């Protein structure tokens, strides 16, 4: 009995190095898409010693949806959207592995400003003379806002899904540094390590971002659940008050919805995406 109890933490320590990576190998993903008659392309590029990995479906001549996942996660958080036949008729869809996740230097967390800089080459690569809409879920929300501020004129609009933008609604979570600054970090599984570190960075990132929110001039679509326990719905009013120069702000509050709206409320979010203007205006 005692031997078993001693083995459990050892086994967990070993498993923690390999589980919960939230990623799918390119070949496996391509086969999965192919079975549905959808061609999936995957790409990488190098920047500042980082490898940035992303996936793409749809025609290069169409307007673009650029999906940015939360924490933890990877590009495949938006698989269902990238396979949807209606969306494919209207958009080229690109979904990234944010720095530190998926196959973008897994495990190496970076703050919002650094992530924005590492994604800058991608924004140049995907330009095709058509509108580009950035779609960010959870922590992907403040990142697409950061990108829009850092590289004005690239996006024709922002779609913010359960986005964490207010610095005043974040829980202090002072326990997080204890995990990534001590050997306890080895007990945290997979992508949760990267998430733990970047969510700590987010505390100060959002404070730095707040005074710059007035620089957002693109149209903004906000979708949030009114029962979100992780990112309070009060973020919606905060964004409405701060995006004072946005061309327009369209808000969809989903009654009874929690934080996981990209998966649990696909139809509502698809409807918002399908309503995006093909001219970018």
Protein backbone atom coordinates (compact mmCIF):
# COMPACT_ATOMS: atom_id res chain seq x y z
CA UNK A 1 0.00 0.00 0.00
CA UNK A 2 2.72 2.47 0.99
CA UNK A 3 4.71 1.52 -2.09
CA UNK A 4 1.73 2.37 -4.27
CA UNK A 5 1.24 5.72 -2.54
CA UNK A 6 4.89 6.56 -3.12
CA UNK A 7 4.67 5.54 -6.77
CA UNK A 8 1.69 7.79 -7.55
CA UNK A 9 3.60 11.11 -7.33
CA UNK A 10 6.52 9.60 -9.27
CA UNK A 11 4.19 8.43 -12.03
CA UNK A 12 2.48 11.82 -12.14
CA UNK A 13 5.83 13.61 -12.34
CA UNK A 14 6.74 11.50 -15.36
CA UNK A 15 3.35 11.87 -17.04
CA UNK A 16 3.32 15.63 -16.51
CA UNK A 17 6.14 15.97 -19.02
CA UNK A 18 4.09 14.45 -21.83
CA UNK A 19 0.35 15.04 -21.30
CA UNK A 20 -2.05 17.94 -21.91
CA UNK A 21 -0.14 19.50 -24.79
CA UNK A 22 -3.38 20.36 -26.62
CA UNK A 23 -1.87 19.88 -30.06
CA UNK A 24 -2.29 17.63 -33.09
CA UNK A 25 0.49 16.52 -35.42
CA UNK A 26 0.21 18.10 -38.87
CA UNK A 27 -0.14 14.81 -40.77
CA UNK A 28 -2.87 13.57 -38.44
CA UNK A 29 -4.75 16.87 -38.76
CA UNK A 30 -4.43 16.89 -42.54
CA UNK A 31 -5.86 13.37 -42.76
CA UNK A 32 -8.76 14.36 -40.54
CA UNK A 33 -9.58 17.39 -42.70
CA UNK A 34 -9.12 15.39 -45.91
CA UNK A 35 -11.79 12.90 -44.83
CA UNK A 36 -14.21 15.85 -44.87
CA UNK A 37 -13.02 17.02 -48.27
CA UNK A 38 -11.16 20.02 -46.86
CA UNK A 39 -7.54 20.74 -47.70
CA UNK A 40 -5.47 21.76 -44.68
CA UNK A 41 -2.13 23.49 -45.15
CA UNK A 42 0.36 23.98 -42.33
CA UNK A 43 3.24 26.44 -42.31
CA UNK A 44 6.10 27.62 -40.12
CA UNK A 45 8.43 30.59 -40.15
CA UNK A 46 11.40 31.65 -38.08
CA UNK A 47 11.66 34.90 -36.13
CA UNK A 48 14.01 35.86 -33.30
CA UNK A 49 14.94 32.24 -32.72
CA UNK A 50 11.27 31.24 -32.55
CA UNK A 51 9.38 28.88 -34.80
CA UNK A 52 5.83 30.07 -35.41
CA UNK A 53 3.42 27.41 -36.65
CA UNK A 54 -0.01 27.93 -38.17
CA UNK A 55 -2.67 26.13 -40.19
CA UNK A 56 -4.80 27.29 -43.12
CA UNK A 57 -7.89 26.33 -45.05
CA UNK A 58 -9.76 28.08 -47.84
CA UNK A 59 -9.00 30.03 -50.99
CA UNK A 60 -6.14 32.56 -50.87
CA UNK A 61 -8.22 35.09 -52.83
CA UNK A 62 -10.92 35.38 -50.15
CA UNK A 63 -11.11 37.64 -47.08
CA UNK A 64 -9.32 36.15 -44.07
CA UNK A 65 -10.34 35.04 -40.61
CA UNK A 66 -7.27 34.90 -38.37
CA UNK A 67 -8.06 32.77 -35.32
CA UNK A 68 -6.10 33.25 -32.08
CA UNK A 69 -6.64 30.73 -29.29
CA UNK A 70 -6.74 31.20 -25.54
CA UNK A 71 -4.59 29.79 -22.75
CA UNK A 72 -3.84 26.93 -22.97
CA UNK A 73 -4.62 25.84 -26.51
CA UNK A 74 -3.39 25.62 -30.08
CA UNK A 75 -4.60 26.30 -33.60
CA UNK A 76 -6.92 23.28 -33.53
CA UNK A 77 -9.21 25.05 -31.06
CA UNK A 78 -10.93 26.36 -34.22
CA UNK A 79 -11.01 23.11 -36.20
CA UNK A 80 -14.79 23.10 -36.57
CA UNK A 81 -14.79 26.60 -38.04
CA UNK A 82 -11.99 25.80 -40.47
CA UNK A 83 -13.95 22.80 -41.73
CA UNK A 84 -17.29 24.56 -42.09
CA UNK A 85 -18.45 24.63 -45.71
CA UNK A 86 -20.35 27.92 -45.39
CA UNK A 87 -17.39 29.73 -43.87
CA UNK A 88 -15.08 28.21 -46.48
CA UNK A 89 -17.18 29.74 -49.27
CA UNK A 90 -16.63 33.20 -47.79
CA UNK A 91 -13.24 33.12 -46.05
CA UNK A 92 -9.70 31.90 -46.08
CA UNK A 93 -9.15 30.77 -42.49
CA UNK A 94 -5.83 30.80 -40.65
CA UNK A 95 -5.33 29.60 -37.09
CA UNK A 96 -2.08 30.05 -35.23
CA UNK A 97 -0.19 28.32 -32.46
CA UNK A 98 0.55 31.26 -30.21
CA UNK A 99 4.18 31.48 -29.01
CA UNK A 100 4.76 28.78 -26.41
CA UNK A 101 1.89 26.55 -27.54
CA UNK A 102 1.27 23.84 -30.11
CA UNK A 103 4.32 23.71 -32.37
CA UNK A 104 5.41 27.32 -31.80
CA UNK A 105 8.32 26.64 -29.43
CA UNK A 106 6.15 24.73 -27.01
CA UNK A 107 6.79 25.70 -23.41
CA UNK A 108 8.41 29.11 -23.99
CA UNK A 109 5.91 31.66 -22.67
CA UNK A 110 6.02 35.30 -23.78
CA UNK A 111 4.06 38.41 -22.77
CA UNK A 112 1.58 40.16 -25.06
CA UNK A 113 4.05 42.66 -26.49
CA UNK A 114 6.56 39.93 -27.33
CA UNK A 115 3.87 37.72 -28.85
CA UNK A 116 2.72 40.61 -31.00
CA UNK A 117 6.24 41.17 -32.29
CA UNK A 118 6.72 37.47 -33.06
CA UNK A 119 3.48 37.39 -35.07
CA UNK A 120 4.30 40.50 -37.12
CA UNK A 121 5.85 38.54 -40.04
CA UNK A 122 2.67 36.46 -40.30
CA UNK A 123 0.55 39.59 -40.71
CA UNK A 124 2.69 40.56 -43.69
CA UNK A 125 2.63 37.08 -45.20
CA UNK A 126 -1.14 36.72 -45.18
CA UNK A 127 -1.98 40.04 -46.82
CA UNK A 128 -3.84 39.42 -50.09
CA UNK A 129 -5.57 42.73 -50.72
CA UNK A 130 -8.77 41.50 -49.06
CA UNK A 131 -10.10 42.21 -45.55
CA UNK A 132 -8.52 40.43 -42.60
CA UNK A 133 -10.58 39.89 -39.45
CA UNK A 134 -8.83 38.82 -36.24
CA UNK A 135 -10.82 36.44 -34.03
CA UNK A 136 -9.48 36.04 -30.48
CA UNK A 137 -10.85 33.83 -27.72
CA UNK A 138 -10.08 34.47 -24.04
CA UNK A 139 -6.41 35.52 -23.87
CA UNK A 140 -6.41 35.54 -27.66
CA UNK A 141 -8.71 38.56 -27.30
CA UNK A 142 -6.21 40.99 -25.76
CA UNK A 143 -3.56 39.67 -28.13
CA UNK A 144 -5.54 40.59 -31.25
CA UNK A 145 -6.21 43.99 -29.68
CA UNK A 146 -2.45 44.35 -29.09
CA UNK A 147 -1.78 43.37 -32.71
CA UNK A 148 -4.32 45.87 -34.00
CA UNK A 149 -2.68 48.67 -31.99
CA UNK A 150 0.87 47.67 -32.91
CA UNK A 151 0.13 47.22 -36.63
CA UNK A 152 -2.68 49.63 -37.51
CA UNK A 153 -4.41 49.14 -40.82
CA UNK A 154 -3.84 45.38 -41.06
CA UNK A 155 -7.22 44.30 -39.70
CA UNK A 156 -10.63 45.24 -41.02
CA UNK A 157 -12.21 44.24 -37.75
CA UNK A 158 -11.77 42.43 -34.43
CA UNK A 159 -14.00 39.63 -33.14
CA UNK A 160 -13.52 39.21 -29.39
CA UNK A 161 -14.85 35.98 -27.90
CA UNK A 162 -15.00 35.91 -24.09
CA UNK A 163 -12.03 38.25 -24.21
CA UNK A 164 -10.10 39.19 -21.10
CA UNK A 165 -9.30 42.88 -21.62
CA UNK A 166 -10.02 44.66 -18.33
CA UNK A 167 -7.12 44.73 -15.83
CA UNK A 168 -9.57 45.31 -12.99
CA UNK A 169 -11.55 42.11 -13.33
CA UNK A 170 -8.60 39.72 -13.22
CA UNK A 171 -8.14 37.79 -9.96
CA UNK A 172 -4.76 38.55 -8.28
CA UNK A 173 -3.70 34.85 -8.41
CA UNK A 174 -0.50 35.55 -6.48
CA UNK A 175 0.12 31.82 -6.27
CA UNK A 176 1.09 31.55 -9.96
CA UNK A 177 4.79 32.58 -9.63
CA UNK A 178 5.23 29.93 -6.93
CA UNK A 179 4.64 27.32 -9.60
CA UNK A 180 6.97 28.58 -12.33
CA UNK A 181 9.81 29.84 -10.11
CA UNK A 182 10.20 26.66 -8.05
CA UNK A 183 10.60 22.93 -8.76
CA UNK A 184 6.82 22.69 -8.47
CA UNK A 185 6.83 23.70 -12.14
CA UNK A 186 7.79 20.13 -13.05
CA UNK A 187 4.53 18.90 -11.55
CA UNK A 188 2.41 21.11 -13.79
CA UNK A 189 1.36 19.14 -16.90
CA UNK A 190 2.05 20.09 -20.50
CA UNK A 191 0.70 23.36 -21.84
CA UNK A 192 -0.55 24.34 -18.40
CA UNK A 193 3.01 25.43 -17.60
CA UNK A 194 3.07 27.95 -20.43
CA UNK A 195 -0.45 29.06 -19.53
CA UNK A 196 0.44 29.58 -15.89
CA UNK A 197 3.38 31.81 -16.73
CA UNK A 198 1.67 33.91 -19.43
CA UNK A 199 -1.46 34.39 -17.36
CA UNK A 200 0.77 35.87 -14.69
CA UNK A 201 2.29 38.18 -17.29
CA UNK A 202 -1.24 39.15 -18.31
CA UNK A 203 -1.81 40.93 -14.99
CA UNK A 204 0.63 43.67 -15.93
CA UNK A 205 0.07 43.34 -19.70
CA UNK A 206 -3.54 44.49 -19.37
CA UNK A 207 -2.57 47.50 -17.29
CA UNK A 208 -0.11 48.56 -20.00
CA UNK A 209 -2.72 47.93 -22.69
CA UNK A 210 -5.52 49.96 -21.08
CA UNK A 211 -4.36 53.49 -22.03
CA UNK A 212 -3.79 52.34 -25.61
CA UNK A 213 -7.29 50.99 -26.18
CA UNK A 214 -8.32 54.37 -27.57
CA UNK A 215 -6.10 53.58 -30.57
CA UNK A 216 -8.48 50.86 -31.78
CA UNK A 217 -10.32 52.33 -34.78
CA UNK A 218 -11.49 49.17 -36.54
CA UNK A 219 -15.03 47.80 -36.09
CA UNK A 220 -15.30 45.45 -33.11
CA UNK A 221 -17.65 42.51 -32.60
CA UNK A 222 -17.88 41.30 -29.00
CA UNK A 223 -19.39 37.93 -28.05
CA UNK A 224 -19.58 36.91 -24.40
CA UNK A 225 -21.53 34.54 -22.18
CA UNK A 226 -23.38 36.11 -19.27
CA UNK A 227 -22.41 33.20 -17.00
CA UNK A 228 -18.67 33.19 -17.77
CA UNK A 229 -16.90 32.23 -14.50
CA UNK A 230 -13.37 32.78 -15.85
CA UNK A 231 -13.64 36.08 -17.73
CA UNK A 232 -16.52 38.09 -16.25
CA UNK A 233 -19.08 39.53 -18.64
CA UNK A 234 -18.29 42.95 -17.14
CA UNK A 235 -15.39 42.95 -19.64
CA UNK A 236 -18.00 43.86 -22.26
CA UNK A 237 -18.90 47.20 -20.66
CA UNK A 238 -15.22 47.88 -20.07
CA UNK A 239 -14.45 47.43 -23.76
CA UNK A 240 -17.44 49.49 -24.85
CA UNK A 241 -16.22 52.34 -22.66
CA UNK A 242 -12.60 52.10 -23.81
CA UNK A 243 -12.97 51.53 -27.57
CA UNK A 244 -14.15 55.12 -28.02
CA UNK A 245 -12.66 55.46 -31.52
CA UNK A 246 -13.81 52.12 -32.92
CA UNK A 247 -15.87 52.55 -36.10
CA UNK A 248 -18.63 50.53 -34.46
CA UNK A 249 -19.10 48.05 -31.64
CA UNK A 250 -21.51 45.15 -32.02
CA UNK A 251 -22.25 43.12 -28.90
CA UNK A 252 -23.77 39.66 -28.61
CA UNK A 253 -24.43 38.38 -25.09
CA UNK A 254 -25.28 34.68 -25.02
CA UNK A 255 -27.68 33.90 -22.14
CA UNK A 256 -26.50 31.15 -19.81
CA UNK A 257 -23.21 30.69 -21.67
CA UNK A 258 -19.91 30.05 -19.91
CA UNK A 259 -16.35 30.71 -21.07
CA UNK A 260 -16.21 27.97 -23.69
CA UNK A 261 -18.41 29.64 -26.28
CA UNK A 262 -16.28 28.77 -29.36
CA UNK A 263 -17.22 25.11 -28.88
CA UNK A 264 -20.54 25.19 -27.02
CA UNK A 265 -22.10 28.00 -29.06
CA UNK A 266 -20.75 27.37 -32.53
CA UNK A 267 -23.96 28.44 -34.30
CA UNK A 268 -24.09 31.85 -32.62
CA UNK A 269 -20.45 32.60 -33.33
CA UNK A 270 -20.67 31.30 -36.88
CA UNK A 271 -23.57 33.69 -37.42
CA UNK A 272 -21.41 36.61 -36.28
CA UNK A 273 -18.57 35.54 -38.57
CA UNK A 274 -20.87 35.11 -41.55
CA UNK A 275 -22.14 38.64 -40.99
CA UNK A 276 -18.68 40.19 -41.35
CA UNK A 277 -18.55 42.47 -44.42
CA UNK A 278 -16.64 41.09 -47.37
CA UNK A 279 -15.48 44.61 -48.22
CA UNK A 280 -14.17 45.19 -44.70
CA UNK A 281 -16.49 48.18 -44.22
